[in-house]
Amino acid sequence: MQARSALFYLLLCHLVGCDGSQTISLVTEDFRFAPDLVRVTMDRPLVISVFNAGREIHEFDSPILQYAAGPWGERTSPVPGITLVPGRTVRLVVAPPAGTYLYICRRKGHANMTGTLIVE
């Protein structure tokens, strides 16, 4: 229940624009994430912005991260991969503890489309 409350707070914080969050931007392009390695600190909420610049539908999935999607909070954690439509951006609010987290695209034929988030 505590994790659920923290996620609700982070989503609310994102919606009303809390100061102090850190933001990373990821781009999906023709079967890769850019960047494919990201380092952040765990002392502040993290907003992940994922833009699909490619022509294919992609997916953002990380089985370890608990996140809420927005901007309206229509999904709460944990959820299976989030579909990334070409030309669209999805924002995620996460509060992962320190660790190394893989993010992937689970679409058929996209097996090498991976990245790593390191939370220090």
PDB file of N, CA and C in Angstrom:
ATOM      1  N   MET A   1       0.818  -1.192   0.000  1.00  0.00           N
ATOM      2  CA  MET A   1       0.000   0.000   0.000  1.00  0.00           C
ATOM      3  C   MET A   1       0.866   1.263   0.000  1.00  0.00           C
ATOM      4  N   GLN A   2       2.010   1.202   0.684  1.00  0.00           N
ATOM      5  CA  GLN A   2       2.898   2.353   0.733  1.00  0.00           C
ATOM      6  C   GLN A   2       3.422   2.716  -0.652  1.00  0.00           C
ATOM      7  N   ALA A   3       3.787   1.711  -1.456  1.00  0.00           N
ATOM      8  CA  ALA A   3       4.272   1.960  -2.814  1.00  0.00           C
ATOM      9  C   ALA A   3       3.185   2.617  -3.656  1.00  0.00           C
ATOM     10  N   ARG A   4       1.948   2.184  -3.465  1.00  0.00           N
ATOM     11  CA  ARG A   4       0.833   2.762  -4.215  1.00  0.00           C
ATOM     12  C   ARG A   4       0.648   4.237  -3.851  1.00  0.00           C
ATOM     13  N   SER A   5       0.773   4.569  -2.574  1.00  0.00           N
ATOM     14  CA  SER A   5       0.660   5.956  -2.144  1.00  0.00           C
ATOM     15  C   SER A   5       1.783   6.805  -2.719  1.00  0.00           C
ATOM     16  N   ALA A   6       2.994   6.250  -2.751  1.00  0.00           N
ATOM     17  CA  ALA A   6       4.129   6.986  -3.314  1.00  0.00           C
ATOM     18  C   ALA A   6       3.911   7.259  -4.798  1.00  0.00           C
ATOM     19  N   LEU A   7       3.372   6.271  -5.508  1.00  0.00           N
ATOM     20  CA  LEU A   7       3.113   6.463  -6.937  1.00  0.00           C
ATOM     21  C   LEU A   7       2.035   7.507  -7.166  1.00  0.00           C
ATOM     22  N   PHE A   8       1.000   7.485  -6.337  1.00  0.00           N
ATOM     23  CA  PHE A   8      -0.048   8.495  -6.463  1.00  0.00           C
ATOM     24  C   PHE A   8       0.550   9.884  -6.240  1.00  0.00           C
ATOM     25  N   TYR A   9       1.396  10.017  -5.228  1.00  0.00           N
ATOM     26  CA  TYR A   9       2.050  11.299  -4.955  1.00  0.00           C
ATOM     27  C   TYR A   9       2.881  11.739  -6.152  1.00  0.00           C
ATOM     28  N   LEU A  10       3.675  10.815  -6.721  1.00  0.00           N
ATOM     29  CA  LEU A  10       4.509  11.169  -7.855  1.00  0.00           C
ATOM     30  C   LEU A  10       3.683  11.585  -9.060  1.00  0.00           C
ATOM     31  N   LEU A  11       2.584  10.889  -9.300  1.00  0.00           N
ATOM     32  CA  LEU A  11       1.711  11.257 -10.412  1.00  0.00           C
ATOM     33  C   LEU A  11       1.124  12.636 -10.173  1.00  0.00           C
ATOM     34  N   LEU A  12       0.629  12.876  -8.967  1.00  0.00           N
ATOM     35  CA  LEU A  12       0.075  14.172  -8.629  1.00  0.00           C
ATOM     36  C   LEU A  12       1.142  15.253  -8.760  1.00  0.00           C
ATOM     37  N   CYS A  13       2.338  14.947  -8.285  1.00  0.00           N
ATOM     38  CA  CYS A  13       3.456  15.888  -8.379  1.00  0.00           C
ATOM     39  C   CYS A  13       3.726  16.233  -9.836  1.00  0.00           C
ATOM     40  N   HIS A  14       3.697  15.235 -10.687  1.00  0.00           N
ATOM     41  CA  HIS A  14       3.933  15.468 -12.113  1.00  0.00           C
ATOM     42  C   HIS A  14       2.828  16.328 -12.726  1.00  0.00           C
ATOM     43  N   LEU A  15       1.611  16.062 -12.367  1.00  0.00           N
ATOM     44  CA  LEU A  15       0.488  16.797 -12.950  1.00  0.00           C
ATOM     45  C   LEU A  15       0.488  18.264 -12.554  1.00  0.00           C
ATOM     46  N   VAL A  16       0.879  18.544 -11.323  1.00  0.00           N
ATOM     47  CA  VAL A  16       0.857  19.934 -10.874  1.00  0.00           C
ATOM     48  C   VAL A  16       2.215  20.619 -10.992  1.00  0.00           C
ATOM     49  N   GLY A  17       3.230  19.892 -11.471  1.00  0.00           N
ATOM     50  CA  GLY A  17       4.527  20.507 -11.744  1.00  0.00           C
ATOM     51  C   GLY A  17       5.388  20.737 -10.523  1.00  0.00           C
ATOM     52  N   CYS A  18       5.613  19.714  -9.727  1.00  0.00           N
ATOM     53  CA  CYS A  18       6.473  19.853  -8.553  1.00  0.00           C
ATOM     54  C   CYS A  18       7.903  20.172  -8.964  1.00  0.00           C
ATOM     55  N   ASP A  19       8.539  21.008  -8.202  1.00  0.00           N
ATOM     56  CA  ASP A  19       9.948  21.318  -8.430  1.00  0.00           C
ATOM     57  C   ASP A  19      10.802  20.169  -7.926  1.00  0.00           C
ATOM     58  N   GLY A  20      11.996  20.074  -8.472  1.00  0.00           N
ATOM     59  CA  GLY A  20      12.946  19.104  -7.961  1.00  0.00           C
ATOM     60  C   GLY A  20      12.934  17.753  -8.632  1.00  0.00           C
ATOM     61  N   SER A  21      12.061  17.515  -9.585  1.00  0.00           N
ATOM     62  CA  SER A  21      12.098  16.225 -10.268  1.00  0.00           C
ATOM     63  C   SER A  21      13.199  16.255 -11.326  1.00  0.00           C
ATOM     64  N   GLN A  22      13.667  15.093 -11.698  1.00  0.00           N
ATOM     65  CA  GLN A  22      14.649  14.990 -12.771  1.00  0.00           C
ATOM     66  C   GLN A  22      13.963  14.364 -13.974  1.00  0.00           C
ATOM     67  N   THR A  23      14.324  14.813 -15.161  1.00  0.00           N
ATOM     68  CA  THR A  23      13.684  14.341 -16.384  1.00  0.00           C
ATOM     69  C   THR A  23      14.726  13.763 -17.320  1.00  0.00           C
ATOM     70  N   ILE A  24      14.399  12.613 -17.902  1.00  0.00           N
ATOM     71  CA  ILE A  24      15.231  12.066 -18.969  1.00  0.00           C
ATOM     72  C   ILE A  24      14.360  11.909 -20.204  1.00  0.00           C
ATOM     73  N   SER A  25      14.963  12.073 -21.350  1.00  0.00           N
ATOM     74  CA  SER A  25      14.251  11.928 -22.625  1.00  0.00           C
ATOM     75  C   SER A  25      14.844  10.766 -23.392  1.00  0.00           C
ATOM     76  N   LEU A  26      13.978   9.843 -23.779  1.00  0.00           N
ATOM     77  CA  LEU A  26      14.379   8.711 -24.607  1.00  0.00           C
ATOM     78  C   LEU A  26      13.685   8.846 -25.952  1.00  0.00           C
ATOM     79  N   VAL A  27      14.347   8.371 -26.986  1.00  0.00           N
ATOM     80  CA  VAL A  27      13.772   8.374 -28.326  1.00  0.00           C
ATOM     81  C   VAL A  27      13.874   6.958 -28.874  1.00  0.00           C
ATOM     82  N   THR A  28      12.784   6.475 -29.480  1.00  0.00           N
ATOM     83  CA  THR A  28      12.837   5.203 -30.186  1.00  0.00           C
ATOM     84  C   THR A  28      12.971   5.502 -31.669  1.00  0.00           C
ATOM     85  N   GLU A  29      13.937   4.857 -32.296  1.00  0.00           N
ATOM     86  CA  GLU A  29      14.174   5.039 -33.722  1.00  0.00           C
ATOM     87  C   GLU A  29      14.517   3.688 -34.320  1.00  0.00           C
ATOM     88  N   ASP A  30      13.820   3.307 -35.314  1.00  0.00           N
ATOM     89  CA  ASP A  30      14.169   2.117 -36.083  1.00  0.00           C
ATOM     90  C   ASP A  30      14.955   1.072 -35.295  1.00  0.00           C
ATOM     91  N   PHE A  31      14.307   0.508 -34.314  1.00  0.00           N
ATOM     92  CA  PHE A  31      14.791  -0.643 -33.562  1.00  0.00           C
ATOM     93  C   PHE A  31      15.920  -0.357 -32.586  1.00  0.00           C
ATOM     94  N   ARG A  32      15.901   0.863 -31.991  1.00  0.00           N
ATOM     95  CA  ARG A  32      16.845   1.155 -30.913  1.00  0.00           C
ATOM     96  C   ARG A  32      16.285   2.261 -30.026  1.00  0.00           C
ATOM     97  N   PHE A  33      16.740   2.274 -28.777  1.00  0.00           N
ATOM     98  CA  PHE A  33      16.465   3.367 -27.856  1.00  0.00           C
ATOM     99  C   PHE A  33      17.684   4.282 -27.851  1.00  0.00           C
ATOM    100  N   ALA A  34      17.456   5.579 -27.821  1.00  0.00           N
ATOM    101  CA  ALA A  34      18.559   6.536 -27.720  1.00  0.00           C
ATOM    102  C   ALA A  34      18.219   7.524 -26.610  1.00  0.00           C
ATOM    103  N   PRO A  35      19.043   7.645 -25.598  1.00  0.00           N
ATOM    104  CA  PRO A  35      20.239   6.843 -25.365  1.00  0.00           C
ATOM    105  C   PRO A  35      19.863   5.461 -24.851  1.00  0.00           C
ATOM    106  N   ASP A  36      20.801   4.545 -24.932  1.00  0.00           N
ATOM    107  CA  ASP A  36      20.540   3.196 -24.435  1.00  0.00           C
ATOM    108  C   ASP A  36      21.146   2.968 -23.051  1.00  0.00           C
ATOM    109  N   LEU A  37      21.753   4.015 -22.488  1.00  0.00           N
ATOM    110  CA  LEU A  37      22.262   3.978 -21.116  1.00  0.00           C
ATOM    111  C   LEU A  37      21.987   5.323 -20.464  1.00  0.00           C
ATOM    112  N   VAL A  38      21.292   5.281 -19.329  1.00  0.00           N
ATOM    113  CA  VAL A  38      20.930   6.507 -18.607  1.00  0.00           C
ATOM    114  C   VAL A  38      21.283   6.321 -17.134  1.00  0.00           C
ATOM    115  N   ARG A  39      21.888   7.352 -16.536  1.00  0.00           N
ATOM    116  CA  ARG A  39      22.211   7.342 -15.101  1.00  0.00           C
ATOM    117  C   ARG A  39      21.448   8.478 -14.424  1.00  0.00           C
ATOM    118  N   VAL A  40      20.820   8.159 -13.301  1.00  0.00           N
ATOM    119  CA  VAL A  40      20.088   9.153 -12.511  1.00  0.00           C
ATOM    120  C   VAL A  40      20.347   8.890 -11.036  1.00  0.00           C
ATOM    121  N   THR A  41      19.920   9.841 -10.204  1.00  0.00           N
ATOM    122  CA  THR A  41      20.022   9.652  -8.755  1.00  0.00           C
ATOM    123  C   THR A  41      18.651   9.280  -8.209  1.00  0.00           C
ATOM    124  N   MET A  42      18.641   8.621  -7.073  1.00  0.00           N
ATOM    125  CA  MET A  42      17.373   8.183  -6.500  1.00  0.00           C
ATOM    126  C   MET A  42      16.789   9.188  -5.518  1.00  0.00           C
ATOM    127  N   ASP A  43      17.425  10.339  -5.366  1.00  0.00           N
ATOM    128  CA  ASP A  43      16.978  11.304  -4.365  1.00  0.00           C
ATOM    129  C   ASP A  43      15.821  12.192  -4.831  1.00  0.00           C
ATOM    130  N   ARG A  44      15.444  12.104  -6.103  1.00  0.00           N
ATOM    131  CA  ARG A  44      14.349  12.927  -6.623  1.00  0.00           C
ATOM    132  C   ARG A  44      13.461  12.093  -7.531  1.00  0.00           C
ATOM    133  N   PRO A  45      12.186  12.433  -7.636  1.00  0.00           N
ATOM    134  CA  PRO A  45      11.306  11.731  -8.573  1.00  0.00           C
ATOM    135  C   PRO A  45      11.863  11.832  -9.989  1.00  0.00           C
ATOM    136  N   LEU A  46      11.591  10.836 -10.783  1.00  0.00           N
ATOM    137  CA  LEU A  46      12.109  10.774 -12.146  1.00  0.00           C
ATOM    138  C   LEU A  46      10.957  10.761 -13.143  1.00  0.00           C
ATOM    139  N   VAL A  47      11.022  11.675 -14.111  1.00  0.00           N
ATOM    140  CA  VAL A  47      10.060  11.712 -15.197  1.00  0.00           C
ATOM    141  C   VAL A  47      10.785  11.207 -16.440  1.00  0.00           C
ATOM    142  N   ILE A  48      10.249  10.147 -17.054  1.00  0.00           N
ATOM    143  CA  ILE A  48      10.829   9.603 -18.279  1.00  0.00           C
ATOM    144  C   ILE A  48       9.907   9.982 -19.425  1.00  0.00           C
ATOM    145  N   SER A  49      10.449  10.689 -20.397  1.00  0.00           N
ATOM    146  CA  SER A  49       9.713  11.090 -21.585  1.00  0.00           C
ATOM    147  C   SER A  49      10.218  10.230 -22.740  1.00  0.00           C
ATOM    148  N   VAL A  50       9.314   9.460 -23.371  1.00  0.00           N
ATOM    149  CA  VAL A  50       9.705   8.559 -24.450  1.00  0.00           C
ATOM    150  C   VAL A  50       8.992   8.994 -25.730  1.00  0.00           C
ATOM    151  N   PHE A  51       9.777   9.380 -26.748  1.00  0.00           N
ATOM    152  CA  PHE A  51       9.228   9.821 -28.031  1.00  0.00           C
ATOM    153  C   PHE A  51       9.544   8.782 -29.098  1.00  0.00           C
ATOM    154  N   ASN A  52       8.542   8.387 -29.866  1.00  0.00           N
ATOM    155  CA  ASN A  52       8.751   7.440 -30.957  1.00  0.00           C
ATOM    156  C   ASN A  52       8.993   8.218 -32.244  1.00  0.00           C
ATOM    157  N   ALA A  53      10.262   8.321 -32.639  1.00  0.00           N
ATOM    158  CA  ALA A  53      10.646   9.040 -33.855  1.00  0.00           C
ATOM    159  C   ALA A  53      10.704   8.111 -35.065  1.00  0.00           C
ATOM    160  N   GLY A  54      10.449   6.832 -34.862  1.00  0.00           N
ATOM    161  CA  GLY A  54      10.533   5.872 -35.959  1.00  0.00           C
ATOM    162  C   GLY A  54       9.225   5.732 -36.718  1.00  0.00           C
ATOM    163  N   ARG A  55       9.223   4.789 -37.645  1.00  0.00           N
ATOM    164  CA  ARG A  55       8.036   4.506 -38.450  1.00  0.00           C
ATOM    165  C   ARG A  55       7.250   3.321 -37.923  1.00  0.00           C
ATOM    166  N   GLU A  56       7.852   2.558 -37.028  1.00  0.00           N
ATOM    167  CA  GLU A  56       7.234   1.367 -36.453  1.00  0.00           C
ATOM    168  C   GLU A  56       6.608   1.681 -35.101  1.00  0.00           C
ATOM    169  N   ILE A  57       5.587   0.906 -34.728  1.00  0.00           N
ATOM    170  CA  ILE A  57       5.071   0.959 -33.360  1.00  0.00           C
ATOM    171  C   ILE A  57       6.092   0.253 -32.475  1.00  0.00           C
ATOM    172  N   HIS A  58       6.416   0.863 -31.345  1.00  0.00           N
ATOM    173  CA  HIS A  58       7.336   0.267 -30.388  1.00  0.00           C
ATOM    174  C   HIS A  58       6.631   0.143 -29.042  1.00  0.00           C
ATOM    175  N   GLU A  59       7.366  -0.366 -28.078  1.00  0.00           N
ATOM    176  CA  GLU A  59       6.829  -0.559 -26.744  1.00  0.00           C
ATOM    177  C   GLU A  59       7.912  -0.201 -25.733  1.00  0.00           C
ATOM    178  N   PHE A  60       7.503   0.385 -24.617  1.00  0.00           N
ATOM    179  CA  PHE A  60       8.431   0.641 -23.520  1.00  0.00           C
ATOM    180  C   PHE A  60       7.991  -0.252 -22.375  1.00  0.00           C
ATOM    181  N   ASP A  61       8.886  -1.132 -21.965  1.00  0.00           N
ATOM    182  CA  ASP A  61       8.551  -2.050 -20.892  1.00  0.00           C
ATOM    183  C   ASP A  61       9.758  -2.246 -20.000  1.00  0.00           C
ATOM    184  N   SER A  62       9.515  -2.257 -18.716  1.00  0.00           N
ATOM    185  CA  SER A  62      10.533  -2.564 -17.732  1.00  0.00           C
ATOM    186  C   SER A  62       9.837  -3.305 -16.606  1.00  0.00           C
ATOM    187  N   PRO A  63      10.025  -4.608 -16.501  1.00  0.00           N
ATOM    188  CA  PRO A  63       9.281  -5.400 -15.525  1.00  0.00           C
ATOM    189  C   PRO A  63       9.592  -5.069 -14.072  1.00  0.00           C
ATOM    190  N   ILE A  64      10.678  -4.383 -13.803  1.00  0.00           N
ATOM    191  CA  ILE A  64      11.049  -4.062 -12.427  1.00  0.00           C
ATOM    192  C   ILE A  64      10.466  -2.720 -11.996  1.00  0.00           C
ATOM    193  N   LEU A  65      10.476  -1.747 -12.889  1.00  0.00           N
ATOM    194  CA  LEU A  65      10.003  -0.415 -12.527  1.00  0.00           C
ATOM    195  C   LEU A  65       8.513  -0.419 -12.240  1.00  0.00           C
ATOM    196  N   GLN A  66       8.132   0.352 -11.257  1.00  0.00           N
ATOM    197  CA  GLN A  66       6.720   0.607 -11.009  1.00  0.00           C
ATOM    198  C   GLN A  66       6.489   2.042 -11.421  1.00  0.00           C
ATOM    199  N   TYR A  67       5.545   2.251 -12.309  1.00  0.00           N
ATOM    200  CA  TYR A  67       5.350   3.589 -12.834  1.00  0.00           C
ATOM    201  C   TYR A  67       3.888   3.888 -13.071  1.00  0.00           C
ATOM    202  N   ALA A  68       3.630   5.138 -13.240  1.00  0.00           N
ATOM    203  CA  ALA A  68       2.292   5.601 -13.600  1.00  0.00           C
ATOM    204  C   ALA A  68       2.428   6.379 -14.896  1.00  0.00           C
ATOM    205  N   ALA A  69       1.525   6.155 -15.824  1.00  0.00           N
ATOM    206  CA  ALA A  69       1.583   6.863 -17.106  1.00  0.00           C
ATOM    207  C   ALA A  69       0.673   8.081 -17.046  1.00  0.00           C
ATOM    208  N   GLY A  70       0.915   9.038 -17.869  1.00  0.00           N
ATOM    209  CA  GLY A  70       0.129  10.254 -17.838  1.00  0.00           C
ATOM    210  C   GLY A  70      -0.070  10.767 -19.235  1.00  0.00           C
ATOM    211  N   PRO A  71      -0.528  11.967 -19.361  1.00  0.00           N
ATOM    212  CA  PRO A  71      -0.621  12.935 -18.280  1.00  0.00           C
ATOM    213  C   PRO A  71      -1.855  12.783 -17.395  1.00  0.00           C
ATOM    214  N   TRP A  72      -2.794  11.938 -17.729  1.00  0.00           N
ATOM    215  CA  TRP A  72      -4.025  11.859 -16.943  1.00  0.00           C
ATOM    216  C   TRP A  72      -4.026  10.716 -15.953  1.00  0.00           C
ATOM    217  N   GLY A  73      -2.948   9.963 -15.869  1.00  0.00           N
ATOM    218  CA  GLY A  73      -2.871   8.899 -14.883  1.00  0.00           C
ATOM    219  C   GLY A  73      -3.773   7.725 -15.189  1.00  0.00           C
ATOM    220  N   GLU A  74      -3.999   7.467 -16.458  1.00  0.00           N
ATOM    221  CA  GLU A  74      -4.925   6.401 -16.826  1.00  0.00           C
ATOM    222  C   GLU A  74      -4.407   5.005 -16.508  1.00  0.00           C
ATOM    223  N   ARG A  75      -3.123   4.868 -16.249  1.00  0.00           N
ATOM    224  CA  ARG A  75      -2.547   3.584 -15.872  1.00  0.00           C
ATOM    225  C   ARG A  75      -1.814   3.742 -14.551  1.00  0.00           C
ATOM    226  N   THR A  76      -1.885   2.726 -13.727  1.00  0.00           N
ATOM    227  CA  THR A  76      -1.086   2.738 -12.499  1.00  0.00           C
ATOM    228  C   THR A  76      -0.240   1.480 -12.468  1.00  0.00           C
ATOM    229  N   SER A  77       0.824   1.524 -11.719  1.00  0.00           N
ATOM    230  CA  SER A  77       1.821   0.467 -11.754  1.00  0.00           C
ATOM    231  C   SER A  77       1.348  -0.792 -11.037  1.00  0.00           C
ATOM    232  N   PRO A  78       1.953  -1.928 -11.306  1.00  0.00           N
ATOM    233  CA  PRO A  78       2.751  -2.141 -12.496  1.00  0.00           C
ATOM    234  C   PRO A  78       1.843  -2.450 -13.688  1.00  0.00           C
ATOM    235  N   VAL A  79       2.269  -2.099 -14.851  1.00  0.00           N
ATOM    236  CA  VAL A  79       1.509  -2.382 -16.065  1.00  0.00           C
ATOM    237  C   VAL A  79       2.444  -3.042 -17.061  1.00  0.00           C
ATOM    238  N   PRO A  80       1.882  -3.816 -17.984  1.00  0.00           N
ATOM    239  CA  PRO A  80       2.745  -4.346 -19.043  1.00  0.00           C
ATOM    240  C   PRO A  80       3.220  -3.202 -19.927  1.00  0.00           C
ATOM    241  N   GLY A  81       4.004  -3.499 -20.899  1.00  0.00           N
ATOM    242  CA  GLY A  81       4.590  -2.484 -21.766  1.00  0.00           C
ATOM    243  C   GLY A  81       3.592  -1.467 -22.280  1.00  0.00           C
ATOM    244  N   ILE A  82       4.080  -0.262 -22.477  1.00  0.00           N
ATOM    245  CA  ILE A  82       3.256   0.842 -22.969  1.00  0.00           C
ATOM    246  C   ILE A  82       3.541   1.004 -24.453  1.00  0.00           C
ATOM    247  N   THR A  83       2.492   0.997 -25.270  1.00  0.00           N
ATOM    248  CA  THR A  83       2.626   1.138 -26.712  1.00  0.00           C
ATOM    249  C   THR A  83       3.076   2.549 -27.067  1.00  0.00           C
ATOM    250  N   LEU A  84       4.065   2.629 -27.956  1.00  0.00           N
ATOM    251  CA  LEU A  84       4.608   3.902 -28.412  1.00  0.00           C
ATOM    252  C   LEU A  84       4.270   4.061 -29.900  1.00  0.00           C
ATOM    253  N   VAL A  85       3.314   4.912 -30.183  1.00  0.00           N
ATOM    254  CA  VAL A  85       2.856   5.163 -31.550  1.00  0.00           C
ATOM    255  C   VAL A  85       3.817   6.138 -32.224  1.00  0.00           C
ATOM    256  N   PRO A  86       4.149   5.929 -33.508  1.00  0.00           N
ATOM    257  CA  PRO A  86       5.043   6.861 -34.194  1.00  0.00           C
ATOM    258  C   PRO A  86       4.562   8.307 -34.081  1.00  0.00           C
ATOM    259  N   GLY A  87       5.520   9.211 -33.787  1.00  0.00           N
ATOM    260  CA  GLY A  87       5.214  10.628 -33.682  1.00  0.00           C
ATOM    261  C   GLY A  87       4.599  11.062 -32.366  1.00  0.00           C
ATOM    262  N   ARG A  88       4.461  10.150 -31.406  1.00  0.00           N
ATOM    263  CA  ARG A  88       3.837  10.480 -30.121  1.00  0.00           C
ATOM    264  C   ARG A  88       4.830  10.326 -28.976  1.00  0.00           C
ATOM    265  N   THR A  89       4.551  11.028 -27.875  1.00  0.00           N
ATOM    266  CA  THR A  89       5.370  10.974 -26.664  1.00  0.00           C
ATOM    267  C   THR A  89       4.540  10.429 -25.516  1.00  0.00           C
ATOM    268  N   VAL A  90       5.162   9.615 -24.693  1.00  0.00           N
ATOM    269  CA  VAL A  90       4.545   9.109 -23.460  1.00  0.00           C
ATOM    270  C   VAL A  90       5.436   9.557 -22.315  1.00  0.00           C
ATOM    271  N   ARG A  91       4.827  10.036 -21.232  1.00  0.00           N
ATOM    272  CA  ARG A  91       5.592  10.423 -20.037  1.00  0.00           C
ATOM    273  C   ARG A  91       5.271   9.455 -18.910  1.00  0.00           C
ATOM    274  N   LEU A  92       6.307   9.036 -18.231  1.00  0.00           N
ATOM    275  CA  LEU A  92       6.182   8.115 -17.104  1.00  0.00           C
ATOM    276  C   LEU A  92       6.784   8.769 -15.881  1.00  0.00           C
ATOM    277  N   VAL A  93       6.171   8.560 -14.734  1.00  0.00           N
ATOM    278  CA  VAL A  93       6.723   9.038 -13.467  1.00  0.00           C
ATOM    279  C   VAL A  93       7.134   7.808 -12.682  1.00  0.00           C
ATOM    280  N   VAL A  94       8.389   7.757 -12.276  1.00  0.00           N
ATOM    281  CA  VAL A  94       8.898   6.582 -11.574  1.00  0.00           C
ATOM    282  C   VAL A  94       9.611   6.979 -10.294  1.00  0.00           C
ATOM    283  N   ALA A  95       9.677   6.041  -9.382  1.00  0.00           N
ATOM    284  CA  ALA A  95      10.393   6.234  -8.121  1.00  0.00           C
ATOM    285  C   ALA A  95      11.162   4.959  -7.793  1.00  0.00           C
ATOM    286  N   PRO A  96      12.094   4.579  -8.664  1.00  0.00           N
ATOM    287  CA  PRO A  96      12.807   3.322  -8.421  1.00  0.00           C
ATOM    288  C   PRO A  96      13.879   3.471  -7.353  1.00  0.00           C
ATOM    289  N   PRO A  97      14.081   2.422  -6.546  1.00  0.00           N
ATOM    290  CA  PRO A  97      15.209   2.439  -5.621  1.00  0.00           C
ATOM    291  C   PRO A  97      16.504   2.255  -6.411  1.00  0.00           C
ATOM    292  N   ALA A  98      17.627   2.429  -5.739  1.00  0.00           N
ATOM    293  CA  ALA A  98      18.921   2.247  -6.404  1.00  0.00           C
ATOM    294  C   ALA A  98      18.988   0.860  -7.033  1.00  0.00           C
ATOM    295  N   GLY A  99      19.562   0.823  -8.223  1.00  0.00           N
ATOM    296  CA  GLY A  99      19.689  -0.450  -8.925  1.00  0.00           C
ATOM    297  C   GLY A  99      19.866  -0.226 -10.411  1.00  0.00           C
ATOM    298  N   THR A 100      19.946  -1.320 -11.125  1.00  0.00           N
ATOM    299  CA  THR A 100      20.080  -1.293 -12.576  1.00  0.00           C
ATOM    300  C   THR A 100      18.834  -1.916 -13.175  1.00  0.00           C
ATOM    301  N   TYR A 101      18.197  -1.190 -14.095  1.00  0.00           N
ATOM    302  CA  TYR A 101      16.921  -1.602 -14.668  1.00  0.00           C
ATOM    303  C   TYR A 101      17.011  -1.650 -16.191  1.00  0.00           C
ATOM    304  N   LEU A 102      16.610  -2.756 -16.758  1.00  0.00           N
ATOM    305  CA  LEU A 102      16.568  -2.912 -18.202  1.00  0.00           C
ATOM    306  C   LEU A 102      15.238  -2.375 -18.718  1.00  0.00           C
ATOM    307  N   TYR A 103      15.253  -1.623 -19.819  1.00  0.00           N
ATOM    308  CA  TYR A 103      14.017  -1.276 -20.508  1.00  0.00           C
ATOM    309  C   TYR A 103      14.104  -1.844 -21.921  1.00  0.00           C
ATOM    310  N   ILE A 104      12.972  -2.335 -22.413  1.00  0.00           N
ATOM    311  CA  ILE A 104      12.975  -3.082 -23.661  1.00  0.00           C
ATOM    312  C   ILE A 104      11.730  -2.791 -24.485  1.00  0.00           C
ATOM    313  N   CYS A 105      11.806  -3.166 -25.754  1.00  0.00           N
ATOM    314  CA  CYS A 105      10.637  -3.202 -26.627  1.00  0.00           C
ATOM    315  C   CYS A 105      10.317  -4.676 -26.840  1.00  0.00           C
ATOM    316  N   ARG A 106       9.110  -5.087 -26.501  1.00  0.00           N
ATOM    317  CA  ARG A 106       8.723  -6.496 -26.607  1.00  0.00           C
ATOM    318  C   ARG A 106       8.032  -6.843 -27.931  1.00  0.00           C
ATOM    319  N   ARG A 107       8.007  -5.926 -28.872  1.00  0.00           N
ATOM    320  CA  ARG A 107       7.368  -6.207 -30.157  1.00  0.00           C
ATOM    321  C   ARG A 107       8.142  -7.293 -30.898  1.00  0.00           C
ATOM    322  N   LYS A 108       7.425  -8.126 -31.630  1.00  0.00           N
ATOM    323  CA  LYS A 108       8.052  -9.197 -32.393  1.00  0.00           C
ATOM    324  C   LYS A 108       9.065  -8.604 -33.377  1.00  0.00           C
ATOM    325  N   GLY A 109      10.282  -9.155 -33.374  1.00  0.00           N
ATOM    326  CA  GLY A 109      11.334  -8.691 -34.255  1.00  0.00           C
ATOM    327  C   GLY A 109      12.159  -7.539 -33.700  1.00  0.00           C
ATOM    328  N   HIS A 110      11.839  -7.074 -32.478  1.00  0.00           N
ATOM    329  CA  HIS A 110      12.552  -5.941 -31.879  1.00  0.00           C
ATOM    330  C   HIS A 110      13.424  -6.401 -30.709  1.00  0.00           C
ATOM    331  N   ALA A 111      13.864  -7.634 -30.723  1.00  0.00           N
ATOM    332  CA  ALA A 111      14.554  -8.247 -29.584  1.00  0.00           C
ATOM    333  C   ALA A 111      15.800  -7.497 -29.125  1.00  0.00           C
ATOM    334  N   ASN A 112      16.494  -6.847 -30.024  1.00  0.00           N
ATOM    335  CA  ASN A 112      17.728  -6.142 -29.639  1.00  0.00           C
ATOM    336  C   ASN A 112      17.483  -4.707 -29.213  1.00  0.00           C
ATOM    337  N   MET A 113      16.240  -4.315 -29.109  1.00  0.00           N
ATOM    338  CA  MET A 113      15.891  -2.934 -28.749  1.00  0.00           C
ATOM    339  C   MET A 113      15.811  -2.853 -27.225  1.00  0.00           C
ATOM    340  N   THR A 114      16.937  -2.524 -26.602  1.00  0.00           N
ATOM    341  CA  THR A 114      17.024  -2.495 -25.148  1.00  0.00           C
ATOM    342  C   THR A 114      17.786  -1.268 -24.682  1.00  0.00           C
ATOM    343  N   GLY A 115      17.670  -0.983 -23.420  1.00  0.00           N
ATOM    344  CA  GLY A 115      18.424   0.079 -22.783  1.00  0.00           C
ATOM    345  C   GLY A 115      18.546  -0.199 -21.310  1.00  0.00           C
ATOM    346  N   THR A 116      19.381   0.576 -20.637  1.00  0.00           N
ATOM    347  CA  THR A 116      19.625   0.375 -19.216  1.00  0.00           C
ATOM    348  C   THR A 116      19.496   1.692 -18.471  1.00  0.00           C
ATOM    349  N   LEU A 117      18.740   1.664 -17.383  1.00  0.00           N
ATOM    350  CA  LEU A 117      18.601   2.800 -16.476  1.00  0.00           C
ATOM    351  C   LEU A 117      19.340   2.440 -15.186  1.00  0.00           C
ATOM    352  N   ILE A 118      20.339   3.246 -14.841  1.00  0.00           N
ATOM    353  CA  ILE A 118      21.083   3.026 -13.596  1.00  0.00           C
ATOM    354  C   ILE A 118      20.681   4.113 -12.615  1.00  0.00           C
ATOM    355  N   VAL A 119      20.151   3.681 -11.472  1.00  0.00           N
ATOM    356  CA  VAL A 119      19.731   4.598 -10.417  1.00  0.00           C
ATOM    357  C   VAL A 119      20.743   4.488  -9.288  1.00  0.00           C
ATOM    358  N   GLU A 120      21.386   5.628  -8.995  1.00  0.00           N
ATOM    359  CA  GLU A 120      22.447   5.627  -7.981  1.00  0.00           C
ATOM    360  C   GLU A 120      22.006   6.368  -6.734  1.00  0.00           C
TER     361      GLU A 120
END
